[in-house]
N, C-alpha and C. Protein backbone atom coordinates (compact mmCIF):
# COMPACT_ATOMS: atom_id res chain seq x y z
N MET A 1 -26.22 4.30 -31.84
CA MET A 1 -24.91 4.01 -32.40
C MET A 1 -25.04 3.80 -33.91
N LYS A 2 -24.11 4.41 -34.66
CA LYS A 2 -24.12 4.29 -36.11
C LYS A 2 -23.37 3.03 -36.53
N ASN A 3 -23.81 2.45 -37.63
CA ASN A 3 -23.14 1.29 -38.21
C ASN A 3 -22.05 1.74 -39.16
N ASP A 4 -21.19 0.81 -39.52
CA ASP A 4 -20.15 1.07 -40.50
C ASP A 4 -20.75 0.91 -41.91
N ILE A 5 -20.03 1.36 -42.90
CA ILE A 5 -20.43 1.16 -44.30
C ILE A 5 -20.21 -0.32 -44.61
N LYS A 6 -21.28 -0.99 -45.09
CA LYS A 6 -21.19 -2.43 -45.30
C LYS A 6 -21.37 -2.87 -46.75
N ASN A 7 -22.08 -2.07 -47.54
CA ASN A 7 -22.46 -2.56 -48.87
C ASN A 7 -22.85 -1.40 -49.79
N LYS A 8 -23.29 -1.76 -50.99
CA LYS A 8 -23.69 -0.76 -51.98
C LYS A 8 -24.85 0.10 -51.51
N GLU A 9 -25.75 -0.47 -50.75
CA GLU A 9 -26.89 0.30 -50.24
C GLU A 9 -26.41 1.41 -49.31
N ASP A 10 -25.44 1.10 -48.48
CA ASP A 10 -24.87 2.11 -47.59
C ASP A 10 -24.13 3.19 -48.40
N ILE A 11 -23.39 2.75 -49.40
CA ILE A 11 -22.68 3.71 -50.25
C ILE A 11 -23.68 4.62 -50.96
N TYR A 12 -24.79 4.06 -51.42
CA TYR A 12 -25.81 4.87 -52.07
C TYR A 12 -26.34 5.95 -51.12
N LYS A 13 -26.63 5.57 -49.88
CA LYS A 13 -27.09 6.55 -48.88
C LYS A 13 -26.06 7.67 -48.72
N LEU A 14 -24.79 7.28 -48.68
CA LEU A 14 -23.72 8.26 -48.51
C LEU A 14 -23.64 9.21 -49.70
N VAL A 15 -23.57 8.68 -50.91
CA VAL A 15 -23.39 9.57 -52.07
C VAL A 15 -24.64 10.41 -52.32
N LYS A 16 -25.80 9.89 -51.98
CA LYS A 16 -27.03 10.67 -52.14
C LYS A 16 -27.02 11.88 -51.20
N LEU A 17 -26.67 11.65 -49.94
CA LEU A 17 -26.58 12.74 -48.98
C LEU A 17 -25.48 13.73 -49.39
N PHE A 18 -24.34 13.20 -49.78
CA PHE A 18 -23.20 14.01 -50.20
C PHE A 18 -23.59 14.95 -51.35
N TYR A 19 -24.24 14.41 -52.36
CA TYR A 19 -24.63 15.24 -53.51
C TYR A 19 -25.73 16.22 -53.16
N LYS A 20 -26.63 15.83 -52.28
CA LYS A 20 -27.66 16.78 -51.84
C LYS A 20 -27.00 18.00 -51.20
N LYS A 21 -26.00 17.75 -50.39
CA LYS A 21 -25.28 18.85 -49.72
C LYS A 21 -24.51 19.69 -50.74
N LEU A 22 -23.84 19.03 -51.69
CA LEU A 22 -23.07 19.78 -52.69
C LEU A 22 -23.97 20.63 -53.58
N ILE A 23 -25.09 20.07 -53.99
CA ILE A 23 -26.04 20.79 -54.84
C ILE A 23 -26.58 22.01 -54.12
N ASN A 24 -26.68 21.95 -52.81
CA ASN A 24 -27.21 23.05 -52.01
C ASN A 24 -26.13 23.99 -51.47
N ASP A 25 -24.89 23.77 -51.86
CA ASP A 25 -23.80 24.61 -51.42
C ASP A 25 -23.57 25.71 -52.46
N ALA A 26 -23.60 26.96 -52.03
CA ALA A 26 -23.49 28.10 -52.95
C ALA A 26 -22.17 28.10 -53.73
N GLU A 27 -21.09 27.64 -53.12
CA GLU A 27 -19.78 27.62 -53.80
C GLU A 27 -19.65 26.45 -54.77
N MET A 28 -20.42 25.39 -54.55
CA MET A 28 -20.26 24.18 -55.35
C MET A 28 -21.36 23.97 -56.38
N TYR A 29 -22.46 24.65 -56.20
CA TYR A 29 -23.65 24.42 -57.02
C TYR A 29 -23.35 24.42 -58.52
N HIS A 30 -22.53 25.35 -58.98
CA HIS A 30 -22.32 25.48 -60.43
C HIS A 30 -21.70 24.23 -61.06
N PHE A 31 -21.05 23.40 -60.28
CA PHE A 31 -20.52 22.14 -60.79
C PHE A 31 -21.61 21.08 -60.96
N PHE A 32 -22.73 21.29 -60.30
CA PHE A 32 -23.75 20.24 -60.19
C PHE A 32 -25.11 20.62 -60.78
N ILE A 33 -25.16 21.71 -61.54
CA ILE A 33 -26.43 22.20 -62.08
C ILE A 33 -27.18 21.12 -62.84
N GLU A 34 -26.46 20.34 -63.66
CA GLU A 34 -27.12 19.32 -64.47
C GLU A 34 -27.84 18.27 -63.62
N PHE A 35 -27.42 18.14 -62.35
CA PHE A 35 -28.04 17.12 -61.50
C PHE A 35 -29.33 17.59 -60.85
N ASN A 36 -29.82 18.76 -61.25
CA ASN A 36 -31.17 19.15 -60.87
C ASN A 36 -32.19 18.27 -61.58
N ASN A 37 -31.76 17.63 -62.66
CA ASN A 37 -32.58 16.65 -63.36
C ASN A 37 -32.47 15.34 -62.58
N PRO A 38 -33.58 14.87 -61.98
CA PRO A 38 -33.52 13.67 -61.13
C PRO A 38 -33.00 12.42 -61.85
N GLU A 39 -33.30 12.28 -63.13
CA GLU A 39 -32.82 11.11 -63.87
C GLU A 39 -31.31 11.14 -64.03
N LEU A 40 -30.76 12.32 -64.35
CA LEU A 40 -29.31 12.44 -64.49
C LEU A 40 -28.61 12.25 -63.15
N LEU A 41 -29.23 12.79 -62.10
CA LEU A 41 -28.66 12.62 -60.77
C LEU A 41 -28.62 11.15 -60.40
N GLU A 42 -29.71 10.45 -60.60
CA GLU A 42 -29.77 9.03 -60.23
C GLU A 42 -28.74 8.21 -61.01
N LYS A 43 -28.61 8.51 -62.29
CA LYS A 43 -27.63 7.81 -63.11
C LYS A 43 -26.21 8.06 -62.58
N HIS A 44 -25.93 9.30 -62.23
CA HIS A 44 -24.61 9.64 -61.69
C HIS A 44 -24.38 9.00 -60.32
N LEU A 45 -25.40 8.97 -59.48
CA LEU A 45 -25.25 8.34 -58.17
C LEU A 45 -24.88 6.87 -58.32
N GLN A 46 -25.46 6.21 -59.31
CA GLN A 46 -25.13 4.80 -59.54
C GLN A 46 -23.66 4.62 -59.96
N VAL A 47 -23.14 5.57 -60.73
CA VAL A 47 -21.72 5.54 -61.10
C VAL A 47 -20.86 5.73 -59.84
N LEU A 48 -21.27 6.68 -58.99
CA LEU A 48 -20.53 6.92 -57.75
C LEU A 48 -20.55 5.71 -56.83
N VAL A 49 -21.67 5.00 -56.80
CA VAL A 49 -21.75 3.78 -55.99
C VAL A 49 -20.71 2.77 -56.48
N LYS A 50 -20.62 2.59 -57.80
CA LYS A 50 -19.63 1.67 -58.35
C LYS A 50 -18.21 2.13 -58.00
N PHE A 51 -17.97 3.43 -58.13
CA PHE A 51 -16.65 3.98 -57.82
C PHE A 51 -16.27 3.68 -56.37
N TRP A 52 -17.13 4.07 -55.43
CA TRP A 52 -16.80 3.89 -54.02
C TRP A 52 -16.84 2.43 -53.59
N ASP A 53 -17.67 1.63 -54.22
CA ASP A 53 -17.67 0.19 -53.93
C ASP A 53 -16.32 -0.40 -54.31
N ASN A 54 -15.78 0.05 -55.43
CA ASN A 54 -14.46 -0.40 -55.86
C ASN A 54 -13.37 0.12 -54.91
N ILE A 55 -13.46 1.38 -54.53
CA ILE A 55 -12.46 1.99 -53.65
C ILE A 55 -12.46 1.32 -52.26
N LEU A 56 -13.65 1.05 -51.73
CA LEU A 56 -13.75 0.54 -50.36
C LEU A 56 -13.70 -0.98 -50.26
N PHE A 57 -14.24 -1.66 -51.28
CA PHE A 57 -14.36 -3.12 -51.19
C PHE A 57 -13.64 -3.85 -52.33
N TYR A 58 -12.92 -3.10 -53.17
CA TYR A 58 -12.10 -3.68 -54.24
C TYR A 58 -12.89 -4.62 -55.16
N THR A 59 -14.08 -4.18 -55.56
CA THR A 59 -14.96 -5.02 -56.37
C THR A 59 -14.61 -5.03 -57.86
N GLY A 60 -13.87 -4.03 -58.32
CA GLY A 60 -13.51 -3.97 -59.73
C GLY A 60 -14.65 -3.52 -60.62
N GLY A 61 -15.73 -3.00 -60.02
CA GLY A 61 -16.91 -2.63 -60.81
C GLY A 61 -16.82 -1.29 -61.51
N TYR A 62 -15.83 -0.48 -61.17
CA TYR A 62 -15.69 0.84 -61.78
C TYR A 62 -14.54 0.80 -62.76
N ARG A 63 -14.81 1.16 -64.02
CA ARG A 63 -13.79 1.05 -65.07
C ARG A 63 -13.43 2.37 -65.73
N LYS A 64 -14.05 3.47 -65.30
CA LYS A 64 -13.77 4.76 -65.92
C LYS A 64 -12.53 5.40 -65.29
N ASN A 65 -12.04 6.47 -65.92
CA ASN A 65 -10.91 7.21 -65.39
C ASN A 65 -11.45 8.46 -64.70
N ALA A 66 -11.64 8.38 -63.40
CA ALA A 66 -12.21 9.50 -62.64
C ALA A 66 -11.34 10.74 -62.73
N MET A 67 -10.04 10.57 -62.79
CA MET A 67 -9.14 11.71 -62.88
C MET A 67 -9.38 12.46 -64.18
N GLU A 68 -9.43 11.75 -65.28
CA GLU A 68 -9.65 12.38 -66.58
C GLU A 68 -10.98 13.13 -66.63
N ILE A 69 -12.00 12.54 -66.07
CA ILE A 69 -13.33 13.16 -66.04
C ILE A 69 -13.25 14.50 -65.31
N HIS A 70 -12.57 14.54 -64.19
CA HIS A 70 -12.49 15.77 -63.40
C HIS A 70 -11.54 16.81 -64.03
N LEU A 71 -10.51 16.34 -64.71
CA LEU A 71 -9.64 17.28 -65.41
C LEU A 71 -10.40 17.93 -66.57
N ASP A 72 -11.24 17.16 -67.24
CA ASP A 72 -12.09 17.73 -68.30
C ASP A 72 -13.07 18.74 -67.71
N LEU A 73 -13.63 18.42 -66.57
CA LEU A 73 -14.54 19.36 -65.89
C LEU A 73 -13.80 20.65 -65.56
N HIS A 74 -12.58 20.53 -65.07
CA HIS A 74 -11.78 21.70 -64.70
C HIS A 74 -11.57 22.63 -65.91
N LYS A 75 -11.42 22.06 -67.08
CA LYS A 75 -11.22 22.87 -68.29
C LYS A 75 -12.46 23.71 -68.60
N LYS A 76 -13.64 23.20 -68.24
CA LYS A 76 -14.90 23.90 -68.50
C LYS A 76 -15.28 24.83 -67.34
N LYS A 77 -15.07 24.35 -66.15
CA LYS A 77 -15.42 25.08 -64.93
C LYS A 77 -14.25 24.94 -63.97
N PRO A 78 -13.39 25.93 -63.91
CA PRO A 78 -12.17 25.80 -63.09
C PRO A 78 -12.45 25.39 -61.64
N ILE A 79 -11.67 24.42 -61.21
CA ILE A 79 -11.75 23.93 -59.84
C ILE A 79 -10.57 24.53 -59.08
N HIS A 80 -10.87 25.18 -57.96
CA HIS A 80 -9.85 25.84 -57.16
C HIS A 80 -9.69 25.13 -55.82
N LYS A 81 -8.64 25.50 -55.10
CA LYS A 81 -8.35 24.90 -53.80
C LYS A 81 -9.57 24.93 -52.88
N LYS A 82 -10.29 26.05 -52.86
CA LYS A 82 -11.46 26.13 -51.98
C LYS A 82 -12.50 25.06 -52.33
N HIS A 83 -12.61 24.71 -53.61
CA HIS A 83 -13.57 23.68 -54.02
C HIS A 83 -13.15 22.31 -53.50
N PHE A 84 -11.86 22.01 -53.56
CA PHE A 84 -11.37 20.75 -53.00
C PHE A 84 -11.63 20.70 -51.50
N ASN A 85 -11.40 21.81 -50.81
CA ASN A 85 -11.62 21.86 -49.37
C ASN A 85 -13.10 21.65 -49.02
N ILE A 86 -13.97 22.30 -49.78
CA ILE A 86 -15.41 22.13 -49.54
C ILE A 86 -15.82 20.70 -49.83
N TRP A 87 -15.36 20.17 -50.97
CA TRP A 87 -15.70 18.79 -51.36
C TRP A 87 -15.33 17.82 -50.24
N LEU A 88 -14.10 17.96 -49.75
CA LEU A 88 -13.63 17.04 -48.71
C LEU A 88 -14.40 17.24 -47.41
N SER A 89 -14.64 18.46 -47.03
CA SER A 89 -15.38 18.75 -45.81
C SER A 89 -16.80 18.19 -45.87
N VAL A 90 -17.46 18.40 -46.99
CA VAL A 90 -18.84 17.90 -47.15
C VAL A 90 -18.86 16.38 -47.18
N PHE A 91 -17.86 15.77 -47.83
CA PHE A 91 -17.79 14.31 -47.86
C PHE A 91 -17.62 13.77 -46.44
N ASN A 92 -16.66 14.31 -45.70
CA ASN A 92 -16.42 13.84 -44.33
C ASN A 92 -17.65 14.05 -43.45
N GLU A 93 -18.28 15.20 -43.59
CA GLU A 93 -19.50 15.50 -42.83
C GLU A 93 -20.60 14.47 -43.15
N SER A 94 -20.72 14.11 -44.42
CA SER A 94 -21.74 13.14 -44.83
C SER A 94 -21.44 11.76 -44.26
N VAL A 95 -20.18 11.35 -44.33
CA VAL A 95 -19.80 10.06 -43.74
C VAL A 95 -20.11 10.05 -42.25
N ASP A 96 -19.67 11.10 -41.55
CA ASP A 96 -19.85 11.16 -40.09
C ASP A 96 -21.32 11.21 -39.69
N GLU A 97 -22.15 11.82 -40.52
CA GLU A 97 -23.57 11.91 -40.22
C GLU A 97 -24.25 10.54 -40.28
N LEU A 98 -23.75 9.67 -41.16
CA LEU A 98 -24.42 8.39 -41.40
C LEU A 98 -23.73 7.17 -40.79
N PHE A 99 -22.40 7.21 -40.70
CA PHE A 99 -21.66 5.99 -40.39
C PHE A 99 -20.55 6.21 -39.37
N ASP A 100 -20.12 5.09 -38.79
CA ASP A 100 -18.97 5.09 -37.90
C ASP A 100 -18.34 3.71 -37.99
N GLY A 101 -17.02 3.68 -38.11
CA GLY A 101 -16.34 2.39 -38.16
C GLY A 101 -15.14 2.42 -39.08
N GLU A 102 -14.54 1.26 -39.23
CA GLU A 102 -13.30 1.13 -39.99
C GLU A 102 -13.46 1.52 -41.46
N ILE A 103 -14.53 1.09 -42.10
CA ILE A 103 -14.73 1.40 -43.52
C ILE A 103 -15.09 2.87 -43.68
N ALA A 104 -15.86 3.41 -42.76
CA ALA A 104 -16.17 4.85 -42.80
C ALA A 104 -14.89 5.66 -42.69
N TYR A 105 -14.00 5.27 -41.80
CA TYR A 105 -12.71 5.94 -41.66
C TYR A 105 -11.91 5.80 -42.96
N ALA A 106 -11.92 4.60 -43.55
CA ALA A 106 -11.19 4.37 -44.80
C ALA A 106 -11.76 5.25 -45.92
N ALA A 107 -13.06 5.43 -45.95
CA ALA A 107 -13.68 6.28 -46.98
C ALA A 107 -13.16 7.70 -46.86
N LYS A 108 -13.09 8.21 -45.65
CA LYS A 108 -12.60 9.58 -45.45
C LYS A 108 -11.11 9.68 -45.79
N SER A 109 -10.35 8.68 -45.44
CA SER A 109 -8.93 8.66 -45.74
C SER A 109 -8.69 8.62 -47.25
N ARG A 110 -9.44 7.78 -47.94
CA ARG A 110 -9.28 7.67 -49.39
C ARG A 110 -9.77 8.94 -50.09
N ALA A 111 -10.83 9.55 -49.56
CA ALA A 111 -11.31 10.82 -50.13
C ALA A 111 -10.22 11.89 -50.02
N LEU A 112 -9.51 11.91 -48.90
CA LEU A 112 -8.42 12.87 -48.73
C LEU A 112 -7.33 12.62 -49.78
N SER A 113 -6.96 11.37 -49.97
CA SER A 113 -5.96 11.02 -50.97
C SER A 113 -6.40 11.43 -52.38
N ILE A 114 -7.65 11.16 -52.70
CA ILE A 114 -8.19 11.51 -54.01
C ILE A 114 -8.16 13.02 -54.20
N ALA A 115 -8.59 13.76 -53.20
CA ALA A 115 -8.62 15.22 -53.29
C ALA A 115 -7.21 15.78 -53.49
N ILE A 116 -6.24 15.25 -52.77
CA ILE A 116 -4.86 15.73 -52.88
C ILE A 116 -4.32 15.47 -54.29
N VAL A 117 -4.50 14.26 -54.78
CA VAL A 117 -3.98 13.92 -56.11
C VAL A 117 -4.68 14.76 -57.18
N MET A 118 -6.00 14.90 -57.09
CA MET A 118 -6.71 15.71 -58.08
C MET A 118 -6.27 17.17 -58.03
N GLU A 119 -6.09 17.68 -56.83
CA GLU A 119 -5.65 19.07 -56.70
C GLU A 119 -4.28 19.26 -57.34
N ILE A 120 -3.37 18.34 -57.13
CA ILE A 120 -2.05 18.41 -57.74
C ILE A 120 -2.16 18.39 -59.26
N LYS A 121 -2.98 17.50 -59.79
CA LYS A 121 -3.15 17.40 -61.25
C LYS A 121 -3.77 18.67 -61.82
N VAL A 122 -4.73 19.25 -61.13
CA VAL A 122 -5.36 20.49 -61.59
C VAL A 122 -4.35 21.63 -61.56
N LEU A 123 -3.54 21.70 -60.53
CA LEU A 123 -2.52 22.73 -60.44
C LEU A 123 -1.51 22.61 -61.57
N GLU A 124 -1.20 21.37 -61.97
CA GLU A 124 -0.30 21.14 -63.10
C GLU A 124 -0.89 21.73 -64.38
N LEU A 125 -2.19 21.60 -64.55
CA LEU A 125 -2.86 22.16 -65.73
C LEU A 125 -2.76 23.67 -65.75
N ASN A 126 -2.79 24.27 -64.56
CA ASN A 126 -2.77 25.73 -64.45
C ASN A 126 -1.38 26.33 -64.67
N SER A 127 -0.34 25.51 -64.57
CA SER A 127 1.02 26.07 -64.67
C SER A 127 1.56 26.02 -66.08
């Protein structure tokens, strides 16, 4: 039986697996090339831990504007609907592989909300 997401250590396991899968995905790889550098990857994983810790446990530890960061990325490397679908699918797969429970469900639900809002914002840029 899998445990639920309980703390930053669990979130770290999740984002590490998630990024490993994204880096190895042929459609997503080009967004993550810089993370072939282990130091840059580790630094980014720590940012993701703060982000998801704030999203799931309301810790207030993440202070950046994730939307702005991704809109800037879109200007350099266009993000399309298929990328949002892959991102969400890989995230859900990673959660399901490691965890089960209320917080795991909340993570997937919030990821869906984030993907929808980001996709809408990216589409606004394209119009």
